[in-house]
Amino acid sequence: MEITRVQPFLEYFDRVHERTRKVVACVRLRALIETRGRGQLYFILDMRAVTTPPIYGLTSEDGRARSMQSATLRARERTELRPSPV
């Protein structure tokens, strides 16, 4: 297929995408259970528009949020442990 114009290609892509989503929506739960790895499971769940946690640990946003939370707690502990001036 040679792409000469963008609009017909986008229409074709939308048709194929919609047809694929309908096929994946028919996947039985048993097929999800019998997957051979996390990649397959995440692929099938993504096709069914199910949000999933990241496979390899925290996302960068989660890491930053936890880092800021930890820094705030440490700063609070330092101020609570200082002796009060007499």
PDB file of N, CA and C in Angstrom:
ATOM      1  N   MET A   1       0.845  -1.178   0.000  1.00  0.00           N
ATOM      2  CA  MET A   1       0.000   0.000   0.000  1.00  0.00           C
ATOM      3  C   MET A   1       0.881   1.229   0.000  1.00  0.00           C
ATOM      4  N   GLU A   2       0.746   2.029  -1.004  1.00  0.00           N
ATOM      5  CA  GLU A   2       1.508   3.263  -1.091  1.00  0.00           C
ATOM      6  C   GLU A   2       0.650   4.401  -0.561  1.00  0.00           C
ATOM      7  N   ILE A   3       1.208   5.163   0.321  1.00  0.00           N
ATOM      8  CA  ILE A   3       0.469   6.278   0.928  1.00  0.00           C
ATOM      9  C   ILE A   3       0.783   7.539   0.133  1.00  0.00           C
ATOM     10  N   THR A   4      -0.231   8.039  -0.550  1.00  0.00           N
ATOM     11  CA  THR A   4      -0.039   9.266  -1.317  1.00  0.00           C
ATOM     12  C   THR A   4      -0.716  10.457  -0.654  1.00  0.00           C
ATOM     13  N   ARG A   5      -1.783  10.173   0.105  1.00  0.00           N
ATOM     14  CA  ARG A   5      -2.480  11.232   0.842  1.00  0.00           C
ATOM     15  C   ARG A   5      -2.710  10.758   2.267  1.00  0.00           C
ATOM     16  N   VAL A   6      -2.709  11.651   3.192  1.00  0.00           N
ATOM     17  CA  VAL A   6      -2.816  11.312   4.606  1.00  0.00           C
ATOM     18  C   VAL A   6      -4.239  10.920   4.997  1.00  0.00           C
ATOM     19  N   GLN A   7      -5.229  11.645   4.540  1.00  0.00           N
ATOM     20  CA  GLN A   7      -6.602  11.417   4.980  1.00  0.00           C
ATOM     21  C   GLN A   7      -7.109  10.002   4.686  1.00  0.00           C
ATOM     22  N   PRO A   8      -6.928   9.452   3.465  1.00  0.00           N
ATOM     23  CA  PRO A   8      -7.384   8.075   3.231  1.00  0.00           C
ATOM     24  C   PRO A   8      -6.661   7.065   4.111  1.00  0.00           C
ATOM     25  N   PHE A   9      -5.384   7.324   4.356  1.00  0.00           N
ATOM     26  CA  PHE A   9      -4.643   6.416   5.226  1.00  0.00           C
ATOM     27  C   PHE A   9      -5.207   6.446   6.646  1.00  0.00           C
ATOM     28  N   LEU A  10      -5.490   7.633   7.168  1.00  0.00           N
ATOM     29  CA  LEU A  10      -6.037   7.743   8.518  1.00  0.00           C
ATOM     30  C   LEU A  10      -7.403   7.066   8.625  1.00  0.00           C
ATOM     31  N   GLU A  11      -8.214   7.178   7.583  1.00  0.00           N
ATOM     32  CA  GLU A  11      -9.512   6.506   7.573  1.00  0.00           C
ATOM     33  C   GLU A  11      -9.331   4.987   7.582  1.00  0.00           C
ATOM     34  N   TYR A  12      -8.387   4.508   6.760  1.00  0.00           N
ATOM     35  CA  TYR A  12      -8.083   3.076   6.732  1.00  0.00           C
ATOM     36  C   TYR A  12      -7.589   2.613   8.112  1.00  0.00           C
ATOM     37  N   PHE A  13      -6.685   3.371   8.698  1.00  0.00           N
ATOM     38  CA  PHE A  13      -6.141   3.028  10.006  1.00  0.00           C
ATOM     39  C   PHE A  13      -7.246   2.962  11.052  1.00  0.00           C
ATOM     40  N   ASP A  14      -8.157   3.939  11.045  1.00  0.00           N
ATOM     41  CA  ASP A  14      -9.262   3.944  12.005  1.00  0.00           C
ATOM     42  C   ASP A  14     -10.154   2.717  11.841  1.00  0.00           C
ATOM     43  N   ARG A  15     -10.431   2.316  10.591  1.00  0.00           N
ATOM     44  CA  ARG A  15     -11.251   1.121  10.354  1.00  0.00           C
ATOM     45  C   ARG A  15     -10.568  -0.130  10.886  1.00  0.00           C
ATOM     46  N   VAL A  16      -9.277  -0.278  10.591  1.00  0.00           N
ATOM     47  CA  VAL A  16      -8.534  -1.450  11.063  1.00  0.00           C
ATOM     48  C   VAL A  16      -8.451  -1.449  12.586  1.00  0.00           C
ATOM     49  N   HIS A  17      -8.207  -0.292  13.159  1.00  0.00           N
ATOM     50  CA  HIS A  17      -8.090  -0.185  14.610  1.00  0.00           C
ATOM     51  C   HIS A  17      -9.409  -0.569  15.289  1.00  0.00           C
ATOM     52  N   GLU A  18     -10.510  -0.072  14.762  1.00  0.00           N
ATOM     53  CA  GLU A  18     -11.816  -0.393  15.345  1.00  0.00           C
ATOM     54  C   GLU A  18     -12.122  -1.887  15.224  1.00  0.00           C
ATOM     55  N   ARG A  19     -11.805  -2.472  14.083  1.00  0.00           N
ATOM     56  CA  ARG A  19     -12.034  -3.902  13.891  1.00  0.00           C
ATOM     57  C   ARG A  19     -11.174  -4.720  14.861  1.00  0.00           C
ATOM     58  N   THR A  20      -9.931  -4.300  15.069  1.00  0.00           N
ATOM     59  CA  THR A  20      -9.045  -5.000  16.000  1.00  0.00           C
ATOM     60  C   THR A  20      -9.568  -4.903  17.425  1.00  0.00           C
ATOM     61  N   ARG A  21     -10.044  -3.730  17.818  1.00  0.00           N
ATOM     62  CA  ARG A  21     -10.592  -3.562  19.170  1.00  0.00           C
ATOM     63  C   ARG A  21     -11.812  -4.464  19.385  1.00  0.00           C
ATOM     64  N   LYS A  22     -12.645  -4.637  18.350  1.00  0.00           N
ATOM     65  CA  LYS A  22     -13.809  -5.521  18.473  1.00  0.00           C
ATOM     66  C   LYS A  22     -13.368  -6.964  18.667  1.00  0.00           C
ATOM     67  N   VAL A  23     -12.339  -7.382  17.942  1.00  0.00           N
ATOM     68  CA  VAL A  23     -11.836  -8.758  18.077  1.00  0.00           C
ATOM     69  C   VAL A  23     -11.269  -8.972  19.476  1.00  0.00           C
ATOM     70  N   VAL A  24     -10.488  -8.012  19.939  1.00  0.00           N
ATOM     71  CA  VAL A  24      -9.872  -8.147  21.266  1.00  0.00           C
ATOM     72  C   VAL A  24     -10.933  -8.122  22.352  1.00  0.00           C
ATOM     73  N   ALA A  25     -12.009  -7.371  22.156  1.00  0.00           N
ATOM     74  CA  ALA A  25     -13.078  -7.319  23.152  1.00  0.00           C
ATOM     75  C   ALA A  25     -13.745  -8.681  23.324  1.00  0.00           C
ATOM     76  N   CYS A  26     -13.604  -9.530  22.323  1.00  0.00           N
ATOM     77  CA  CYS A  26     -14.197 -10.872  22.395  1.00  0.00           C
ATOM     78  C   CYS A  26     -13.285 -11.884  23.083  1.00  0.00           C
ATOM     79  N   VAL A  27     -12.068 -11.477  23.416  1.00  0.00           N
ATOM     80  CA  VAL A  27     -11.137 -12.398  24.062  1.00  0.00           C
ATOM     81  C   VAL A  27     -11.710 -12.804  25.414  1.00  0.00           C
ATOM     82  N   ARG A  28     -11.781 -14.087  25.643  1.00  0.00           N
ATOM     83  CA  ARG A  28     -12.345 -14.587  26.901  1.00  0.00           C
ATOM     84  C   ARG A  28     -11.368 -14.354  28.056  1.00  0.00           C
ATOM     85  N   LEU A  29     -11.901 -14.338  29.255  1.00  0.00           N
ATOM     86  CA  LEU A  29     -11.086 -14.180  30.452  1.00  0.00           C
ATOM     87  C   LEU A  29     -10.074 -15.311  30.563  1.00  0.00           C
ATOM     88  N   ARG A  30     -10.466 -16.501  30.143  1.00  0.00           N
ATOM     89  CA  ARG A  30      -9.553 -17.639  30.202  1.00  0.00           C
ATOM     90  C   ARG A  30      -8.283 -17.379  29.392  1.00  0.00           C
ATOM     91  N   ALA A  31      -8.419 -16.712  28.270  1.00  0.00           N
ATOM     92  CA  ALA A  31      -7.248 -16.385  27.456  1.00  0.00           C
ATOM     93  C   ALA A  31      -6.313 -15.447  28.214  1.00  0.00           C
ATOM     94  N   LEU A  32      -6.884 -14.562  29.023  1.00  0.00           N
ATOM     95  CA  LEU A  32      -6.044 -13.681  29.838  1.00  0.00           C
ATOM     96  C   LEU A  32      -5.273 -14.475  30.884  1.00  0.00           C
ATOM     97  N   ILE A  33      -5.931 -15.464  31.468  1.00  0.00           N
ATOM     98  CA  ILE A  33      -5.293 -16.262  32.517  1.00  0.00           C
ATOM     99  C   ILE A  33      -4.197 -17.140  31.941  1.00  0.00           C
ATOM    100  N   GLU A  34      -4.366 -17.608  30.709  1.00  0.00           N
ATOM    101  CA  GLU A  34      -3.414 -18.533  30.108  1.00  0.00           C
ATOM    102  C   GLU A  34      -2.270 -17.844  29.390  1.00  0.00           C
ATOM    103  N   THR A  35      -2.087 -16.555  29.578  1.00  0.00           N
ATOM    104  CA  THR A  35      -0.980 -15.866  28.917  1.00  0.00           C
ATOM    105  C   THR A  35       0.338 -16.375  29.453  1.00  0.00           C
ATOM    106  N   ARG A  36       1.361 -16.288  28.634  1.00  0.00           N
ATOM    107  CA  ARG A  36       2.661 -16.834  29.000  1.00  0.00           C
ATOM    108  C   ARG A  36       3.589 -15.828  29.668  1.00  0.00           C
ATOM    109  N   GLY A  37       3.208 -14.590  29.727  1.00  0.00           N
ATOM    110  CA  GLY A  37       4.074 -13.598  30.353  1.00  0.00           C
ATOM    111  C   GLY A  37       3.371 -12.282  30.569  1.00  0.00           C
ATOM    112  N   ARG A  38       4.037 -11.434  31.313  1.00  0.00           N
ATOM    113  CA  ARG A  38       3.445 -10.132  31.615  1.00  0.00           C
ATOM    114  C   ARG A  38       3.215  -9.305  30.364  1.00  0.00           C
ATOM    115  N   GLY A  39       4.140  -9.426  29.396  1.00  0.00           N
ATOM    116  CA  GLY A  39       3.995  -8.649  28.170  1.00  0.00           C
ATOM    117  C   GLY A  39       2.707  -8.962  27.447  1.00  0.00           C
ATOM    118  N   GLN A  40       2.388 -10.260  27.328  1.00  0.00           N
ATOM    119  CA  GLN A  40       1.148 -10.647  26.666  1.00  0.00           C
ATOM    120  C   GLN A  40      -0.060 -10.142  27.445  1.00  0.00           C
ATOM    121  N   LEU A  41      -0.004 -10.299  28.750  1.00  0.00           N
ATOM    122  CA  LEU A  41      -1.116  -9.866  29.590  1.00  0.00           C
ATOM    123  C   LEU A  41      -1.337  -8.364  29.464  1.00  0.00           C
ATOM    124  N   TYR A  42      -0.252  -7.604  29.542  1.00  0.00           N
ATOM    125  CA  TYR A  42      -0.376  -6.156  29.441  1.00  0.00           C
ATOM    126  C   TYR A  42      -0.867  -5.743  28.056  1.00  0.00           C
ATOM    127  N   PHE A  43      -0.434  -6.460  27.003  1.00  0.00           N
ATOM    128  CA  PHE A  43      -0.886  -6.153  25.650  1.00  0.00           C
ATOM    129  C   PHE A  43      -2.398  -6.351  25.537  1.00  0.00           C
ATOM    130  N   ILE A  44      -2.885  -7.483  26.025  1.00  0.00           N
ATOM    131  CA  ILE A  44      -4.316  -7.774  25.932  1.00  0.00           C
ATOM    132  C   ILE A  44      -5.123  -6.784  26.773  1.00  0.00           C
ATOM    133  N   LEU A  45      -4.643  -6.498  27.984  1.00  0.00           N
ATOM    134  CA  LEU A  45      -5.368  -5.547  28.836  1.00  0.00           C
ATOM    135  C   LEU A  45      -5.371  -4.155  28.222  1.00  0.00           C
ATOM    136  N   ASP A  46      -4.266  -3.763  27.598  1.00  0.00           N
ATOM    137  CA  ASP A  46      -4.199  -2.457  26.948  1.00  0.00           C
ATOM    138  C   ASP A  46      -5.176  -2.385  25.783  1.00  0.00           C
ATOM    139  N   MET A  47      -5.290  -3.465  25.022  1.00  0.00           N
ATOM    140  CA  MET A  47      -6.235  -3.490  23.913  1.00  0.00           C
ATOM    141  C   MET A  47      -7.677  -3.410  24.405  1.00  0.00           C
ATOM    142  N   ARG A  48      -7.914  -3.854  25.637  1.00  0.00           N
ATOM    143  CA  ARG A  48      -9.260  -3.773  26.208  1.00  0.00           C
ATOM    144  C   ARG A  48      -9.457  -2.474  26.985  1.00  0.00           C
ATOM    145  N   ALA A  49      -8.485  -1.564  26.897  1.00  0.00           N
ATOM    146  CA  ALA A  49      -8.527  -0.243  27.537  1.00  0.00           C
ATOM    147  C   ALA A  49      -8.574  -0.343  29.058  1.00  0.00           C
ATOM    148  N   VAL A  50      -7.844  -1.329  29.618  1.00  0.00           N
ATOM    149  CA  VAL A  50      -7.730  -1.481  31.066  1.00  0.00           C
ATOM    150  C   VAL A  50      -6.407  -0.854  31.487  1.00  0.00           C
ATOM    151  N   THR A  51      -6.451   0.071  32.443  1.00  0.00           N
ATOM    152  CA  THR A  51      -5.202   0.675  32.905  1.00  0.00           C
ATOM    153  C   THR A  51      -4.447  -0.326  33.764  1.00  0.00           C
ATOM    154  N   THR A  52      -3.148  -0.364  33.589  1.00  0.00           N
ATOM    155  CA  THR A  52      -2.301  -1.321  34.304  1.00  0.00           C
ATOM    156  C   THR A  52      -1.158  -0.580  34.975  1.00  0.00           C
ATOM    157  N   PRO A  53      -0.629  -1.135  36.057  1.00  0.00           N
ATOM    158  CA  PRO A  53       0.550  -0.519  36.665  1.00  0.00           C
ATOM    159  C   PRO A  53       1.768  -0.755  35.776  1.00  0.00           C
ATOM    160  N   PRO A  54       2.810   0.041  35.932  1.00  0.00           N
ATOM    161  CA  PRO A  54       4.005  -0.163  35.112  1.00  0.00           C
ATOM    162  C   PRO A  54       4.643  -1.527  35.397  1.00  0.00           C
ATOM    163  N   ILE A  55       5.175  -2.162  34.368  1.00  0.00           N
ATOM    164  CA  ILE A  55       5.781  -3.488  34.526  1.00  0.00           C
ATOM    165  C   ILE A  55       7.080  -3.393  35.320  1.00  0.00           C
ATOM    166  N   TYR A  56       7.888  -2.392  35.026  1.00  0.00           N
ATOM    167  CA  TYR A  56       9.223  -2.309  35.619  1.00  0.00           C
ATOM    168  C   TYR A  56       9.303  -1.235  36.686  1.00  0.00           C
ATOM    169  N   GLY A  57       8.603  -1.403  37.768  1.00  0.00           N
ATOM    170  CA  GLY A  57       8.721  -0.480  38.892  1.00  0.00           C
ATOM    171  C   GLY A  57       7.934   0.803  38.711  1.00  0.00           C
ATOM    172  N   LEU A  58       8.396   1.842  39.369  1.00  0.00           N
ATOM    173  CA  LEU A  58       7.696   3.126  39.383  1.00  0.00           C
ATOM    174  C   LEU A  58       7.896   3.875  38.075  1.00  0.00           C
ATOM    175  N   THR A  59       6.935   4.709  37.754  1.00  0.00           N
ATOM    176  CA  THR A  59       7.118   5.643  36.650  1.00  0.00           C
ATOM    177  C   THR A  59       7.960   6.807  37.177  1.00  0.00           C
ATOM    178  N   SER A  60       8.469   7.626  36.279  1.00  0.00           N
ATOM    179  CA  SER A  60       9.299   8.754  36.726  1.00  0.00           C
ATOM    180  C   SER A  60       8.480   9.711  37.588  1.00  0.00           C
ATOM    181  N   GLU A  61       7.205   9.876  37.260  1.00  0.00           N
ATOM    182  CA  GLU A  61       6.351  10.773  38.053  1.00  0.00           C
ATOM    183  C   GLU A  61       6.161  10.225  39.469  1.00  0.00           C
ATOM    184  N   ASP A  62       5.937   8.915  39.581  1.00  0.00           N
ATOM    185  CA  ASP A  62       5.783   8.300  40.899  1.00  0.00           C
ATOM    186  C   ASP A  62       7.073   8.432  41.715  1.00  0.00           C
ATOM    187  N   GLY A  63       8.210   8.239  41.067  1.00  0.00           N
ATOM    188  CA  GLY A  63       9.494   8.368  41.753  1.00  0.00           C
ATOM    189  C   GLY A  63       9.709   9.768  42.294  1.00  0.00           C
ATOM    190  N   ARG A  64       9.391  10.773  41.475  1.00  0.00           N
ATOM    191  CA  ARG A  64       9.537  12.163  41.930  1.00  0.00           C
ATOM    192  C   ARG A  64       8.604  12.461  43.092  1.00  0.00           C
ATOM    193  N   ALA A  65       7.367  11.988  43.001  1.00  0.00           N
ATOM    194  CA  ALA A  65       6.397  12.245  44.068  1.00  0.00           C
ATOM    195  C   ALA A  65       6.856  11.613  45.372  1.00  0.00           C
ATOM    196  N   ARG A  66       7.333  10.370  45.304  1.00  0.00           N
ATOM    197  CA  ARG A  66       7.810   9.715  46.529  1.00  0.00           C
ATOM    198  C   ARG A  66       9.054  10.394  47.071  1.00  0.00           C
ATOM    199  N   SER A  67       9.924  10.861  46.187  1.00  0.00           N
ATOM    200  CA  SER A  67      11.130  11.553  46.622  1.00  0.00           C
ATOM    201  C   SER A  67      10.776  12.838  47.356  1.00  0.00           C
ATOM    202  N   MET A  68       9.847  13.607  46.809  1.00  0.00           N
ATOM    203  CA  MET A  68       9.423  14.853  47.450  1.00  0.00           C
ATOM    204  C   MET A  68       8.753  14.568  48.786  1.00  0.00           C
ATOM    205  N   GLN A  69       7.949  13.522  48.837  1.00  0.00           N
ATOM    206  CA  GLN A  69       7.269  13.144  50.071  1.00  0.00           C
ATOM    207  C   GLN A  69       8.296  12.759  51.140  1.00  0.00           C
ATOM    208  N   SER A  70       9.308  12.009  50.747  1.00  0.00           N
ATOM    209  CA  SER A  70      10.345  11.583  51.672  1.00  0.00           C
ATOM    210  C   SER A  70      11.152  12.779  52.180  1.00  0.00           C
ATOM    211  N   ALA A  71      11.482  13.704  51.277  1.00  0.00           N
ATOM    212  CA  ALA A  71      12.242  14.893  51.673  1.00  0.00           C
ATOM    213  C   ALA A  71      11.436  15.736  52.656  1.00  0.00           C
ATOM    214  N   THR A  72      10.145  15.859  52.447  1.00  0.00           N
ATOM    215  CA  THR A  72       9.284  16.618  53.351  1.00  0.00           C
ATOM    216  C   THR A  72       9.252  15.983  54.733  1.00  0.00           C
ATOM    217  N   LEU A  73       9.145  14.661  54.786  1.00  0.00           N
ATOM    218  CA  LEU A  73       9.129  13.970  56.078  1.00  0.00           C
ATOM    219  C   LEU A  73      10.459  14.138  56.820  1.00  0.00           C
ATOM    220  N   ARG A  74      11.581  14.033  56.097  1.00  0.00           N
ATOM    221  CA  ARG A  74      12.887  14.212  56.743  1.00  0.00           C
ATOM    222  C   ARG A  74      13.044  15.621  57.293  1.00  0.00           C
ATOM    223  N   ALA A  75      12.611  16.619  56.545  1.00  0.00           N
ATOM    224  CA  ALA A  75      12.701  18.007  57.009  1.00  0.00           C
ATOM    225  C   ALA A  75      11.845  18.212  58.251  1.00  0.00           C
ATOM    226  N   ARG A  76      10.669  17.611  58.270  1.00  0.00           N
ATOM    227  CA  ARG A  76       9.773  17.727  59.426  1.00  0.00           C
ATOM    228  C   ARG A  76      10.407  17.068  60.653  1.00  0.00           C
ATOM    229  N   GLU A  77      11.029  15.900  60.450  1.00  0.00           N
ATOM    230  CA  GLU A  77      11.677  15.206  61.577  1.00  0.00           C
ATOM    231  C   GLU A  77      12.820  16.036  62.141  1.00  0.00           C
ATOM    232  N   ARG A  78      13.597  16.674  61.258  1.00  0.00           N
ATOM    233  CA  ARG A  78      14.719  17.484  61.738  1.00  0.00           C
ATOM    234  C   ARG A  78      14.233  18.648  62.593  1.00  0.00           C
ATOM    235  N   THR A  79      13.153  19.279  62.194  1.00  0.00           N
ATOM    236  CA  THR A  79      12.667  20.418  62.962  1.00  0.00           C
ATOM    237  C   THR A  79      12.050  19.983  64.287  1.00  0.00           C
ATOM    238  N   GLU A  80      11.476  18.780  64.311  1.00  0.00           N
ATOM    239  CA  GLU A  80      10.885  18.290  65.562  1.00  0.00           C
ATOM    240  C   GLU A  80      11.945  17.848  66.565  1.00  0.00           C
ATOM    241  N   LEU A  81      13.113  17.414  66.069  1.00  0.00           N
ATOM    242  CA  LEU A  81      14.149  16.905  66.958  1.00  0.00           C
ATOM    243  C   LEU A  81      15.066  17.990  67.502  1.00  0.00           C
ATOM    244  N   ARG A  82      14.990  19.217  66.958  1.00  0.00           N
ATOM    245  CA  ARG A  82      15.837  20.298  67.453  1.00  0.00           C
ATOM    246  C   ARG A  82      15.416  20.683  68.874  1.00  0.00           C
ATOM    247  N   PRO A  83      16.404  20.899  69.716  1.00  0.00           N
ATOM    248  CA  PRO A  83      16.044  21.352  71.069  1.00  0.00           C
ATOM    249  C   PRO A  83      15.527  22.792  71.007  1.00  0.00           C
ATOM    250  N   SER A  84      14.534  23.060  71.791  1.00  0.00           N
ATOM    251  CA  SER A  84      13.961  24.404  71.794  1.00  0.00           C
ATOM    252  C   SER A  84      14.876  25.338  72.593  1.00  0.00           C
ATOM    253  N   PRO A  85      15.037  26.572  72.157  1.00  0.00           N
ATOM    254  CA  PRO A  85      15.894  27.520  72.901  1.00  0.00           C
ATOM    255  C   PRO A  85      15.265  27.875  74.233  1.00  0.00           C
ATOM    256  N   VAL A  86      16.095  27.927  75.236  1.00  0.00           N
ATOM    257  CA  VAL A  86      15.589  28.222  76.586  1.00  0.00           C
ATOM    258  C   VAL A  86      15.844  29.654  76.956  1.00  0.00           C
TER     259      VAL A  86
END
